[in-house]
Amino acid sequence: QAVVWVDDERGVEVARRCRGHGLPVHTVGTTRDADHRLSAFE
């Protein structure tokens, strides 16, 4: 299984490749496109 930070453009590419390989990928980031969304930092 892969976990990828997709606020980094290279992370977006890694996640794309994982999907292409059929590898389960779980994305983390600040946008709504991320599976796991980080917000409200203080």
PDB file of all heavy atoms in Angstrom:
ATOM      1  N   GLN A   1       0.853  -1.183   0.000  1.00  0.00           N
ATOM      2  CA  GLN A   1       0.000   0.000   0.000  1.00  0.00           C
ATOM      3  C   GLN A   1       0.889   1.233   0.000  1.00  0.00           C
ATOM      4  O   GLN A   1       1.945   1.242   0.650  1.00  0.00           O
ATOM      5  CB  GLN A   1      -0.902   0.048   1.232  1.00  0.00           C
ATOM      6  CG  GLN A   1      -1.871  -1.100   1.373  1.00  0.00           C
ATOM      7  CD  GLN A   1      -2.814  -0.861   2.540  1.00  0.00           C
ATOM      8  OE1 GLN A   1      -3.761  -0.096   2.463  1.00  0.00           O
ATOM      9  NE2 GLN A   1      -2.543  -1.528   3.644  1.00  0.00           N
ATOM     10  N   ALA A   2       0.446   2.279  -0.680  1.00  0.00           N
ATOM     11  CA  ALA A   2       1.209   3.530  -0.741  1.00  0.00           C
ATOM     12  C   ALA A   2       0.412   4.663  -0.107  1.00  0.00           C
ATOM     13  O   ALA A   2      -0.812   4.725  -0.232  1.00  0.00           O
ATOM     14  CB  ALA A   2       1.538   3.880  -2.184  1.00  0.00           C
ATOM     15  N   VAL A   3       1.142   5.563   0.567  1.00  0.00           N
ATOM     16  CA  VAL A   3       0.576   6.799   1.115  1.00  0.00           C
ATOM     17  C   VAL A   3       1.382   7.941   0.508  1.00  0.00           C
ATOM     18  O   VAL A   3       2.621   7.928   0.568  1.00  0.00           O
ATOM     19  CB  VAL A   3       0.650   6.819   2.655  1.00  0.00           C
ATOM     20  CG1 VAL A   3       0.232   8.175   3.198  1.00  0.00           C
ATOM     21  CG2 VAL A   3      -0.210   5.708   3.250  1.00  0.00           C
ATOM     22  N   VAL A   4       0.700   8.926  -0.089  1.00  0.00           N
ATOM     23  CA  VAL A   4       1.408   9.946  -0.862  1.00  0.00           C
ATOM     24  C   VAL A   4       0.875  11.335  -0.515  1.00  0.00           C
ATOM     25  O   VAL A   4      -0.340  11.565  -0.509  1.00  0.00           O
ATOM     26  CB  VAL A   4       1.242   9.693  -2.379  1.00  0.00           C
ATOM     27  CG1 VAL A   4       1.991  10.758  -3.179  1.00  0.00           C
ATOM     28  CG2 VAL A   4       1.744   8.299  -2.756  1.00  0.00           C
ATOM     29  N   TRP A   5       1.803  12.263  -0.244  1.00  0.00           N
ATOM     30  CA  TRP A   5       1.452  13.668  -0.023  1.00  0.00           C
ATOM     31  C   TRP A   5       1.308  14.327  -1.391  1.00  0.00           C
ATOM     32  O   TRP A   5       2.285  14.475  -2.125  1.00  0.00           O
ATOM     33  CB  TRP A   5       2.529  14.356   0.810  1.00  0.00           C
ATOM     34  CG  TRP A   5       2.280  15.818   1.038  1.00  0.00           C
ATOM     35  CD1 TRP A   5       2.933  16.860   0.442  1.00  0.00           C
ATOM     36  CD2 TRP A   5       1.314  16.406   1.910  1.00  0.00           C
ATOM     37  NE1 TRP A   5       2.429  18.057   0.889  1.00  0.00           N
ATOM     38  CE2 TRP A   5       1.433  17.817   1.790  1.00  0.00           C
ATOM     39  CE3 TRP A   5       0.352  15.885   2.776  1.00  0.00           C
ATOM     40  CZ2 TRP A   5       0.639  18.701   2.508  1.00  0.00           C
ATOM     41  CZ3 TRP A   5      -0.443  16.767   3.496  1.00  0.00           C
ATOM     42  CH2 TRP A   5      -0.297  18.149   3.366  1.00  0.00           C
ATOM     43  N   VAL A   6       0.083  14.741  -1.738  1.00  0.00           N
ATOM     44  CA  VAL A   6      -0.181  15.205  -3.098  1.00  0.00           C
ATOM     45  C   VAL A   6      -0.235  16.720  -3.228  1.00  0.00           C
ATOM     46  O   VAL A   6      -0.552  17.228  -4.318  1.00  0.00           O
ATOM     47  CB  VAL A   6      -1.476  14.571  -3.657  1.00  0.00           C
ATOM     48  CG1 VAL A   6      -1.267  13.088  -3.914  1.00  0.00           C
ATOM     49  CG2 VAL A   6      -2.663  14.808  -2.719  1.00  0.00           C
ATOM     50  N   ASP A   7       0.118  17.468  -2.169  1.00  0.00           N
ATOM     51  CA  ASP A   7       0.341  18.901  -2.363  1.00  0.00           C
ATOM     52  C   ASP A   7       1.652  19.141  -3.101  1.00  0.00           C
ATOM     53  O   ASP A   7       1.888  20.226  -3.628  1.00  0.00           O
ATOM     54  CB  ASP A   7       0.363  19.645  -1.018  1.00  0.00           C
ATOM     55  CG  ASP A   7      -1.035  19.925  -0.498  1.00  0.00           C
ATOM     56  OD1 ASP A   7      -1.979  19.234  -0.932  1.00  0.00           O
ATOM     57  OD2 ASP A   7      -1.192  20.818   0.353  1.00  0.00           O
ATOM     58  N   ASP A   8       2.517  18.150  -3.106  1.00  0.00           N
ATOM     59  CA  ASP A   8       3.764  18.187  -3.867  1.00  0.00           C
ATOM     60  C   ASP A   8       3.480  17.650  -5.264  1.00  0.00           C
ATOM     61  O   ASP A   8       2.914  16.558  -5.429  1.00  0.00           O
ATOM     62  CB  ASP A   8       4.817  17.327  -3.160  1.00  0.00           C
ATOM     63  CG  ASP A   8       6.185  17.399  -3.795  1.00  0.00           C
ATOM     64  OD1 ASP A   8       6.332  16.900  -4.929  1.00  0.00           O
ATOM     65  OD2 ASP A   8       7.105  17.945  -3.163  1.00  0.00           O
ATOM     66  N   GLU A   9       3.886  18.397  -6.302  1.00  0.00           N
ATOM     67  CA  GLU A   9       3.571  17.969  -7.668  1.00  0.00           C
ATOM     68  C   GLU A   9       4.201  16.631  -8.003  1.00  0.00           C
ATOM     69  O   GLU A   9       3.648  15.853  -8.805  1.00  0.00           O
ATOM     70  CB  GLU A   9       4.003  19.039  -8.666  1.00  0.00           C
ATOM     71  CG  GLU A   9       5.501  19.290  -8.722  1.00  0.00           C
ATOM     72  CD  GLU A   9       5.854  20.356  -9.762  1.00  0.00           C
ATOM     73  OE1 GLU A   9       4.936  20.824 -10.445  1.00  0.00           O
ATOM     74  OE2 GLU A   9       7.054  20.698  -9.874  1.00  0.00           O
ATOM     75  N   ARG A  10       5.334  16.340  -7.408  1.00  0.00           N
ATOM     76  CA  ARG A  10       5.939  15.033  -7.661  1.00  0.00           C
ATOM     77  C   ARG A  10       5.130  13.928  -6.977  1.00  0.00           C
ATOM     78  O   ARG A  10       5.094  12.792  -7.436  1.00  0.00           O
ATOM     79  CB  ARG A  10       7.380  15.016  -7.160  1.00  0.00           C
ATOM     80  CG  ARG A  10       8.279  15.995  -7.893  1.00  0.00           C
ATOM     81  CD  ARG A  10       8.529  15.589  -9.339  1.00  0.00           C
ATOM     82  NE  ARG A  10       9.609  16.358  -9.925  1.00  0.00           N
ATOM     83  CZ  ARG A  10      10.332  15.976 -10.959  1.00  0.00           C
ATOM     84  NH1 ARG A  10      10.082  14.838 -11.554  1.00  0.00           N
ATOM     85  NH2 ARG A  10      11.298  16.745 -11.421  1.00  0.00           N
ATOM     86  N   GLY A  11       4.490  14.268  -5.851  1.00  0.00           N
ATOM     87  CA  GLY A  11       3.602  13.313  -5.205  1.00  0.00           C
ATOM     88  C   GLY A  11       2.407  12.971  -6.075  1.00  0.00           C
ATOM     89  O   GLY A  11       1.962  11.810  -6.127  1.00  0.00           O
ATOM     90  N   VAL A  12       1.867  13.962  -6.789  1.00  0.00           N
ATOM     91  CA  VAL A  12       0.767  13.717  -7.729  1.00  0.00           C
ATOM     92  C   VAL A  12       1.197  12.705  -8.778  1.00  0.00           C
ATOM     93  O   VAL A  12       0.446  11.778  -9.131  1.00  0.00           O
ATOM     94  CB  VAL A  12       0.321  15.039  -8.391  1.00  0.00           C
ATOM     95  CG1 VAL A  12      -0.712  14.763  -9.480  1.00  0.00           C
ATOM     96  CG2 VAL A  12      -0.246  15.996  -7.343  1.00  0.00           C
ATOM     97  N   GLU A  13       2.435  12.833  -9.263  1.00  0.00           N
ATOM     98  CA  GLU A  13       2.949  11.903 -10.260  1.00  0.00           C
ATOM     99  C   GLU A  13       3.127  10.505  -9.674  1.00  0.00           C
ATOM    100  O   GLU A  13       2.808   9.498 -10.333  1.00  0.00           O
ATOM    101  CB  GLU A  13       4.268  12.420 -10.833  1.00  0.00           C
ATOM    102  CG  GLU A  13       5.002  11.473 -11.770  1.00  0.00           C
ATOM    103  CD  GLU A  13       4.214  11.122 -13.029  1.00  0.00           C
ATOM    104  OE1 GLU A  13       3.223  11.825 -13.343  1.00  0.00           O
ATOM    105  OE2 GLU A  13       4.589  10.134 -13.696  1.00  0.00           O
ATOM    106  N   VAL A  14       3.636  10.427  -8.436  1.00  0.00           N
ATOM    107  CA  VAL A  14       3.792   9.115  -7.797  1.00  0.00           C
ATOM    108  C   VAL A  14       2.435   8.448  -7.633  1.00  0.00           C
ATOM    109  O   VAL A  14       2.274   7.246  -7.917  1.00  0.00           O
ATOM    110  CB  VAL A  14       4.508   9.261  -6.439  1.00  0.00           C
ATOM    111  CG1 VAL A  14       4.439   7.948  -5.647  1.00  0.00           C
ATOM    112  CG2 VAL A  14       5.970   9.661  -6.634  1.00  0.00           C
ATOM    113  N   ALA A  15       1.434   9.202  -7.184  1.00  0.00           N
ATOM    114  CA  ALA A  15       0.098   8.635  -7.007  1.00  0.00           C
ATOM    115  C   ALA A  15      -0.461   8.142  -8.336  1.00  0.00           C
ATOM    116  O   ALA A  15      -1.088   7.067  -8.416  1.00  0.00           O
ATOM    117  CB  ALA A  15      -0.835   9.670  -6.381  1.00  0.00           C
ATOM    118  N   ARG A  16      -0.238   8.906  -9.401  1.00  0.00           N
ATOM    119  CA  ARG A  16      -0.710   8.500 -10.731  1.00  0.00           C
ATOM    120  C   ARG A  16      -0.067   7.181 -11.149  1.00  0.00           C
ATOM    121  O   ARG A  16      -0.741   6.274 -11.660  1.00  0.00           O
ATOM    122  CB  ARG A  16      -0.385   9.594 -11.749  1.00  0.00           C
ATOM    123  CG  ARG A  16      -0.947   9.338 -13.135  1.00  0.00           C
ATOM    124  CD  ARG A  16      -0.383  10.286 -14.173  1.00  0.00           C
ATOM    125  NE  ARG A  16       1.037  10.057 -14.423  1.00  0.00           N
ATOM    126  CZ  ARG A  16       1.510   9.052 -15.159  1.00  0.00           C
ATOM    127  NH1 ARG A  16       0.671   8.166 -15.707  1.00  0.00           N
ATOM    128  NH2 ARG A  16       2.808   8.909 -15.352  1.00  0.00           N
ATOM    129  N   ARG A  17       1.236   7.070 -10.908  1.00  0.00           N
ATOM    130  CA  ARG A  17       1.932   5.834 -11.279  1.00  0.00           C
ATOM    131  C   ARG A  17       1.437   4.655 -10.447  1.00  0.00           C
ATOM    132  O   ARG A  17       1.313   3.533 -10.956  1.00  0.00           O
ATOM    133  CB  ARG A  17       3.437   6.008 -11.110  1.00  0.00           C
ATOM    134  CG  ARG A  17       4.044   7.018 -12.066  1.00  0.00           C
ATOM    135  CD  ARG A  17       5.568   7.025 -11.945  1.00  0.00           C
ATOM    136  NE  ARG A  17       6.163   8.117 -12.702  1.00  0.00           N
ATOM    137  CZ  ARG A  17       7.478   8.268 -12.874  1.00  0.00           C
ATOM    138  NH1 ARG A  17       8.329   7.396 -12.330  1.00  0.00           N
ATOM    139  NH2 ARG A  17       7.950   9.283 -13.570  1.00  0.00           N
ATOM    140  N   CYS A  18       1.179   4.887  -9.161  1.00  0.00           N
ATOM    141  CA  CYS A  18       0.662   3.807  -8.312  1.00  0.00           C
ATOM    142  C   CYS A  18      -0.645   3.266  -8.874  1.00  0.00           C
ATOM    143  O   CYS A  18      -0.844   2.045  -8.972  1.00  0.00           O
ATOM    144  CB  CYS A  18       0.444   4.305  -6.885  1.00  0.00           C
ATOM    145  SG  CYS A  18       1.946   4.608  -5.932  1.00  0.00           S
ATOM    146  N   ARG A  19      -1.537   4.165  -9.251  1.00  0.00           N
ATOM    147  CA  ARG A  19      -2.820   3.727  -9.813  1.00  0.00           C
ATOM    148  C   ARG A  19      -2.595   2.960 -11.110  1.00  0.00           C
ATOM    149  O   ARG A  19      -3.274   1.949 -11.371  1.00  0.00           O
ATOM    150  CB  ARG A  19      -3.718   4.933 -10.045  1.00  0.00           C
ATOM    151  CG  ARG A  19      -4.132   5.655  -8.767  1.00  0.00           C
ATOM    152  CD  ARG A  19      -5.148   6.760  -9.036  1.00  0.00           C
ATOM    153  NE  ARG A  19      -5.402   7.543  -7.837  1.00  0.00           N
ATOM    154  CZ  ARG A  19      -4.859   8.734  -7.581  1.00  0.00           C
ATOM    155  NH1 ARG A  19      -4.035   9.292  -8.478  1.00  0.00           N
ATOM    156  NH2 ARG A  19      -5.134   9.366  -6.458  1.00  0.00           N
ATOM    157  N   GLY A  20      -1.659   3.421 -11.904  1.00  0.00           N
ATOM    158  CA  GLY A  20      -1.348   2.723 -13.144  1.00  0.00           C
ATOM    159  C   GLY A  20      -0.827   1.318 -12.909  1.00  0.00           C
ATOM    160  O   GLY A  20      -1.074   0.407 -13.713  1.00  0.00           O
ATOM    161  N   HIS A  21      -0.114   1.121 -11.792  1.00  0.00           N
ATOM    162  CA  HIS A  21       0.411  -0.204 -11.441  1.00  0.00           C
ATOM    163  C   HIS A  21      -0.645  -1.074 -10.766  1.00  0.00           C
ATOM    164  O   HIS A  21      -0.381  -2.259 -10.494  1.00  0.00           O
ATOM    165  CB  HIS A  21       1.585  -0.080 -10.465  1.00  0.00           C
ATOM    166  CG  HIS A  21       2.806   0.576 -11.023  1.00  0.00           C
ATOM    167  ND1 HIS A  21       3.276   0.323 -12.287  1.00  0.00           N
ATOM    168  CD2 HIS A  21       3.668   1.479 -10.473  1.00  0.00           C
ATOM    169  CE1 HIS A  21       4.381   1.027 -12.500  1.00  0.00           C
ATOM    170  NE2 HIS A  21       4.624   1.752 -11.423  1.00  0.00           N
ATOM    171  N   GLY A  22      -1.814  -0.501 -10.449  1.00  0.00           N
ATOM    172  CA  GLY A  22      -2.800  -1.247  -9.673  1.00  0.00           C
ATOM    173  C   GLY A  22      -2.453  -1.333  -8.201  1.00  0.00           C
ATOM    174  O   GLY A  22      -2.982  -2.188  -7.473  1.00  0.00           O
ATOM    175  N   LEU A  23      -1.570  -0.454  -7.742  1.00  0.00           N
ATOM    176  CA  LEU A  23      -1.137  -0.448  -6.348  1.00  0.00           C
ATOM    177  C   LEU A  23      -2.087   0.417  -5.522  1.00  0.00           C
ATOM    178  O   LEU A  23      -2.326   1.573  -5.875  1.00  0.00           O
ATOM    179  CB  LEU A  23       0.288   0.108  -6.265  1.00  0.00           C
ATOM    180  CG  LEU A  23       0.928   0.248  -4.891  1.00  0.00           C
ATOM    181  CD1 LEU A  23       1.115  -1.121  -4.251  1.00  0.00           C
ATOM    182  CD2 LEU A  23       2.282   0.945  -5.016  1.00  0.00           C
ATOM    183  N   PRO A  24      -2.657  -0.084  -4.422  1.00  0.00           N
ATOM    184  CA  PRO A  24      -3.530   0.737  -3.590  1.00  0.00           C
ATOM    185  C   PRO A  24      -2.789   1.976  -3.086  1.00  0.00           C
ATOM    186  O   PRO A  24      -1.698   1.872  -2.512  1.00  0.00           O
ATOM    187  CB  PRO A  24      -3.888  -0.193  -2.426  1.00  0.00           C
ATOM    188  CG  PRO A  24      -3.696  -1.569  -2.958  1.00  0.00           C
ATOM    189  CD  PRO A  24      -2.556  -1.467  -3.917  1.00  0.00           C
ATOM    190  N   VAL A  25      -3.360   3.171  -3.327  1.00  0.00           N
ATOM    191  CA  VAL A  25      -2.714   4.413  -2.939  1.00  0.00           C
ATOM    192  C   VAL A  25      -3.699   5.262  -2.163  1.00  0.00           C
ATOM    193  O   VAL A  25      -4.881   5.365  -2.525  1.00  0.00           O
ATOM    194  CB  VAL A  25      -2.157   5.173  -4.168  1.00  0.00           C
ATOM    195  CG1 VAL A  25      -3.255   5.468  -5.186  1.00  0.00           C
ATOM    196  CG2 VAL A  25      -1.455   6.443  -3.753  1.00  0.00           C
ATOM    197  N   HIS A  26      -3.214   5.865  -1.077  1.00  0.00           N
ATOM    198  CA  HIS A  26      -4.023   6.697  -0.197  1.00  0.00           C
ATOM    199  C   HIS A  26      -3.373   8.071  -0.171  1.00  0.00           C
ATOM    200  O   HIS A  26      -2.246   8.219   0.306  1.00  0.00           O
ATOM    201  CB  HIS A  26      -4.094   6.081   1.198  1.00  0.00           C
ATOM    202  CG  HIS A  26      -4.415   4.621   1.164  1.00  0.00           C
ATOM    203  ND1 HIS A  26      -5.694   4.135   1.023  1.00  0.00           N
ATOM    204  CD2 HIS A  26      -3.597   3.523   1.183  1.00  0.00           C
ATOM    205  CE1 HIS A  26      -5.669   2.811   0.989  1.00  0.00           C
ATOM    206  NE2 HIS A  26      -4.400   2.420   1.083  1.00  0.00           N
ATOM    207  N   THR A  27      -4.070   9.068  -0.698  1.00  0.00           N
ATOM    208  CA  THR A  27      -3.477  10.392  -0.835  1.00  0.00           C
ATOM    209  C   THR A  27      -3.788  11.256   0.380  1.00  0.00           C
ATOM    210  O   THR A  27      -4.862  11.173   0.971  1.00  0.00           O
ATOM    211  CB  THR A  27      -3.967  11.078  -2.116  1.00  0.00           C
ATOM    212  OG1 THR A  27      -5.400  11.195  -2.084  1.00  0.00           O
ATOM    213  CG2 THR A  27      -3.555  10.282  -3.342  1.00  0.00           C
ATOM    214  N   VAL A  28      -2.801  12.113   0.717  1.00  0.00           N
ATOM    215  CA  VAL A  28      -2.926  13.043   1.841  1.00  0.00           C
ATOM    216  C   VAL A  28      -2.574  14.423   1.311  1.00  0.00           C
ATOM    217  O   VAL A  28      -1.604  14.584   0.550  1.00  0.00           O
ATOM    218  CB  VAL A  28      -1.984  12.656   3.003  1.00  0.00           C
ATOM    219  CG1 VAL A  28      -2.256  13.524   4.230  1.00  0.00           C
ATOM    220  CG2 VAL A  28      -2.123  11.178   3.358  1.00  0.00           C
ATOM    221  N   GLY A  29      -3.347  15.445   1.680  1.00  0.00           N
ATOM    222  CA  GLY A  29      -3.070  16.799   1.224  1.00  0.00           C
ATOM    223  C   GLY A  29      -4.041  17.784   1.826  1.00  0.00           C
ATOM    224  O   GLY A  29      -4.774  17.458   2.780  1.00  0.00           O
ATOM    225  N   THR A  30      -4.071  18.979   1.272  1.00  0.00           N
ATOM    226  CA  THR A  30      -4.953  20.023   1.793  1.00  0.00           C
ATOM    227  C   THR A  30      -6.141  20.306   0.876  1.00  0.00           C
ATOM    228  O   THR A  30      -7.006  21.105   1.226  1.00  0.00           O
ATOM    229  CB  THR A  30      -4.167  21.334   2.000  1.00  0.00           C
ATOM    230  OG1 THR A  30      -3.641  21.765   0.740  1.00  0.00           O
ATOM    231  CG2 THR A  30      -3.030  21.133   2.989  1.00  0.00           C
ATOM    232  N   THR A  31      -6.189  19.686  -0.289  1.00  0.00           N
ATOM    233  CA  THR A  31      -7.276  19.938  -1.226  1.00  0.00           C
ATOM    234  C   THR A  31      -8.352  18.864  -1.102  1.00  0.00           C
ATOM    235  O   THR A  31      -8.115  17.782  -0.549  1.00  0.00           O
ATOM    236  CB  THR A  31      -6.765  19.961  -2.678  1.00  0.00           C
ATOM    237  OG1 THR A  31      -6.357  18.636  -3.045  1.00  0.00           O
ATOM    238  CG2 THR A  31      -5.578  20.912  -2.816  1.00  0.00           C
ATOM    239  N   ARG A  32      -9.515  19.160  -1.655  1.00  0.00           N
ATOM    240  CA  ARG A  32     -10.636  18.213  -1.567  1.00  0.00           C
ATOM    241  C   ARG A  32     -10.374  16.946  -2.373  1.00  0.00           C
ATOM    242  O   ARG A  32     -11.047  15.926  -2.173  1.00  0.00           O
ATOM    243  CB  ARG A  32     -11.926  18.887  -2.032  1.00  0.00           C
ATOM    244  CG  ARG A  32     -12.379  19.999  -1.098  1.00  0.00           C
ATOM    245  CD  ARG A  32     -13.784  20.479  -1.425  1.00  0.00           C
ATOM    246  NE  ARG A  32     -14.191  21.527  -0.493  1.00  0.00           N
ATOM    247  CZ  ARG A  32     -14.688  21.306   0.714  1.00  0.00           C
ATOM    248  NH1 ARG A  32     -14.839  20.063   1.136  1.00  0.00           N
ATOM    249  NH2 ARG A  32     -15.033  22.303   1.502  1.00  0.00           N
ATOM    250  N   ASP A  33      -9.419  17.003  -3.289  1.00  0.00           N
ATOM    251  CA  ASP A  33      -9.096  15.817  -4.075  1.00  0.00           C
ATOM    252  C   ASP A  33      -8.364  14.756  -3.254  1.00  0.00           C
ATOM    253  O   ASP A  33      -8.315  13.588  -3.661  1.00  0.00           O
ATOM    254  CB  ASP A  33      -8.229  16.204  -5.276  1.00  0.00           C
ATOM    255  CG  ASP A  33      -8.979  17.077  -6.271  1.00  0.00           C
ATOM    256  OD1 ASP A  33     -10.228  16.990  -6.299  1.00  0.00           O
ATOM    257  OD2 ASP A  33      -8.321  17.840  -7.004  1.00  0.00           O
ATOM    258  N   ALA A  34      -7.777  15.170  -2.127  1.00  0.00           N
ATOM    259  CA  ALA A  34      -7.019  14.225  -1.297  1.00  0.00           C
ATOM    260  C   ALA A  34      -7.976  13.311  -0.520  1.00  0.00           C
ATOM    261  O   ALA A  34      -9.006  13.763  -0.016  1.00  0.00           O
ATOM    262  CB  ALA A  34      -6.111  14.977  -0.330  1.00  0.00           C
ATOM    263  N   ASP A  35      -7.617  12.038  -0.423  1.00  0.00           N
ATOM    264  CA  ASP A  35      -8.420  11.101   0.369  1.00  0.00           C
ATOM    265  C   ASP A  35      -8.424  11.483   1.849  1.00  0.00           C
ATOM    266  O   ASP A  35      -9.423  11.302   2.539  1.00  0.00           O
ATOM    267  CB  ASP A  35      -7.862   9.676   0.247  1.00  0.00           C
ATOM    268  CG  ASP A  35      -7.761   9.201  -1.186  1.00  0.00           C
ATOM    269  OD1 ASP A  35      -8.657   9.538  -1.977  1.00  0.00           O
ATOM    270  OD2 ASP A  35      -6.774   8.505  -1.498  1.00  0.00           O
ATOM    271  N   HIS A  36      -7.287  11.973   2.313  1.00  0.00           N
ATOM    272  CA  HIS A  36      -7.127  12.395   3.706  1.00  0.00           C
ATOM    273  C   HIS A  36      -6.742  13.873   3.673  1.00  0.00           C
ATOM    274  O   HIS A  36      -5.665  14.214   3.178  1.00  0.00           O
ATOM    275  CB  HIS A  36      -6.039  11.575   4.402  1.00  0.00           C
ATOM    276  CG  HIS A  36      -6.336  10.099   4.455  1.00  0.00           C
ATOM    277  ND1 HIS A  36      -6.333   9.308   3.324  1.00  0.00           N
ATOM    278  CD2 HIS A  36      -6.647   9.282   5.496  1.00  0.00           C
ATOM    279  CE1 HIS A  36      -6.633   8.054   3.675  1.00  0.00           C
ATOM    280  NE2 HIS A  36      -6.823   8.021   4.977  1.00  0.00           N
ATOM    281  N   ARG A  37      -7.622  14.728   4.195  1.00  0.00           N
ATOM    282  CA  ARG A  37      -7.429  16.177   4.032  1.00  0.00           C
ATOM    283  C   ARG A  37      -7.014  16.807   5.356  1.00  0.00           C
ATOM    284  O   ARG A  37      -7.706  16.686   6.366  1.00  0.00           O
ATOM    285  CB  ARG A  37      -8.701  16.837   3.514  1.00  0.00           C
ATOM    286  CG  ARG A  37      -8.515  18.304   3.138  1.00  0.00           C
ATOM    287  CD  ARG A  37      -9.633  18.766   2.219  1.00  0.00           C
ATOM    288  NE  ARG A  37     -10.922  18.686   2.866  1.00  0.00           N
ATOM    289  CZ  ARG A  37     -11.475  19.688   3.568  1.00  0.00           C
ATOM    290  NH1 ARG A  37     -10.827  20.823   3.705  1.00  0.00           N
ATOM    291  NH2 ARG A  37     -12.658  19.542   4.106  1.00  0.00           N
ATOM    292  N   LEU A  38      -5.865  17.465   5.319  1.00  0.00           N
ATOM    293  CA  LEU A  38      -5.301  18.106   6.510  1.00  0.00           C
ATOM    294  C   LEU A  38      -5.694  19.581   6.506  1.00  0.00           C
ATOM    295  O   LEU A  38      -5.482  20.288   5.515  1.00  0.00           O
ATOM    296  CB  LEU A  38      -3.777  17.956   6.494  1.00  0.00           C
ATOM    297  CG  LEU A  38      -2.998  18.457   7.712  1.00  0.00           C
ATOM    298  CD1 LEU A  38      -3.408  17.707   8.976  1.00  0.00           C
ATOM    299  CD2 LEU A  38      -1.496  18.313   7.480  1.00  0.00           C
ATOM    300  N   SER A  39      -6.231  20.063   7.632  1.00  0.00           N
ATOM    301  CA  SER A  39      -6.683  21.452   7.695  1.00  0.00           C
ATOM    302  C   SER A  39      -6.653  21.944   9.133  1.00  0.00           C
ATOM    303  O   SER A  39      -6.319  21.202  10.061  1.00  0.00           O
ATOM    304  CB  SER A  39      -8.116  21.577   7.142  1.00  0.00           C
ATOM    305  OG  SER A  39      -9.021  20.834   7.947  1.00  0.00           O
ATOM    306  N   ALA A  40      -7.027  23.217   9.287  1.00  0.00           N
ATOM    307  CA  ALA A  40      -7.211  23.855  10.597  1.00  0.00           C
ATOM    308  C   ALA A  40      -5.948  23.799  11.448  1.00  0.00           C
ATOM    309  O   ALA A  40      -6.024  23.668  12.679  1.00  0.00           O
ATOM    310  CB  ALA A  40      -8.386  23.220  11.344  1.00  0.00           C
ATOM    311  N   PHE A  41      -4.782  23.925  10.799  1.00  0.00           N
ATOM    312  CA  PHE A  41      -3.536  23.930  11.575  1.00  0.00           C
ATOM    313  C   PHE A  41      -3.421  25.203  12.401  1.00  0.00           C
ATOM    314  O   PHE A  41      -3.708  26.304  11.927  1.00  0.00           O
ATOM    315  CB  PHE A  41      -2.325  23.829  10.652  1.00  0.00           C
ATOM    316  CG  PHE A  41      -1.017  24.023  11.375  1.00  0.00           C
ATOM    317  CD1 PHE A  41      -0.516  23.032  12.191  1.00  0.00           C
ATOM    318  CD2 PHE A  41      -0.305  25.212  11.262  1.00  0.00           C
ATOM    319  CE1 PHE A  41       0.683  23.208  12.878  1.00  0.00           C
ATOM    320  CE2 PHE A  41       0.890  25.400  11.942  1.00  0.00           C
ATOM    321  CZ  PHE A  41       1.388  24.397  12.750  1.00  0.00           C
ATOM    322  N   GLU A  42      -2.991  25.052  13.644  1.00  0.00           N
ATOM    323  CA  GLU A  42      -2.680  26.207  14.470  1.00  0.00           C
ATOM    324  C   GLU A  42      -1.515  25.876  15.394  1.00  0.00           C
ATOM    325  O   GLU A  42      -1.442  24.775  15.938  1.00  0.00           O
ATOM    326  CB  GLU A  42      -3.886  26.660  15.291  1.00  0.00           C
ATOM    327  CG  GLU A  42      -4.472  25.605  16.210  1.00  0.00           C
ATOM    328  CD  GLU A  42      -5.640  26.143  17.024  1.00  0.00           C
ATOM    329  OE1 GLU A  42      -5.648  27.356  17.321  1.00  0.00           O
ATOM    330  OE2 GLU A  42      -6.541  25.363  17.359  1.00  0.00           O
TER     331      GLU A  42
END
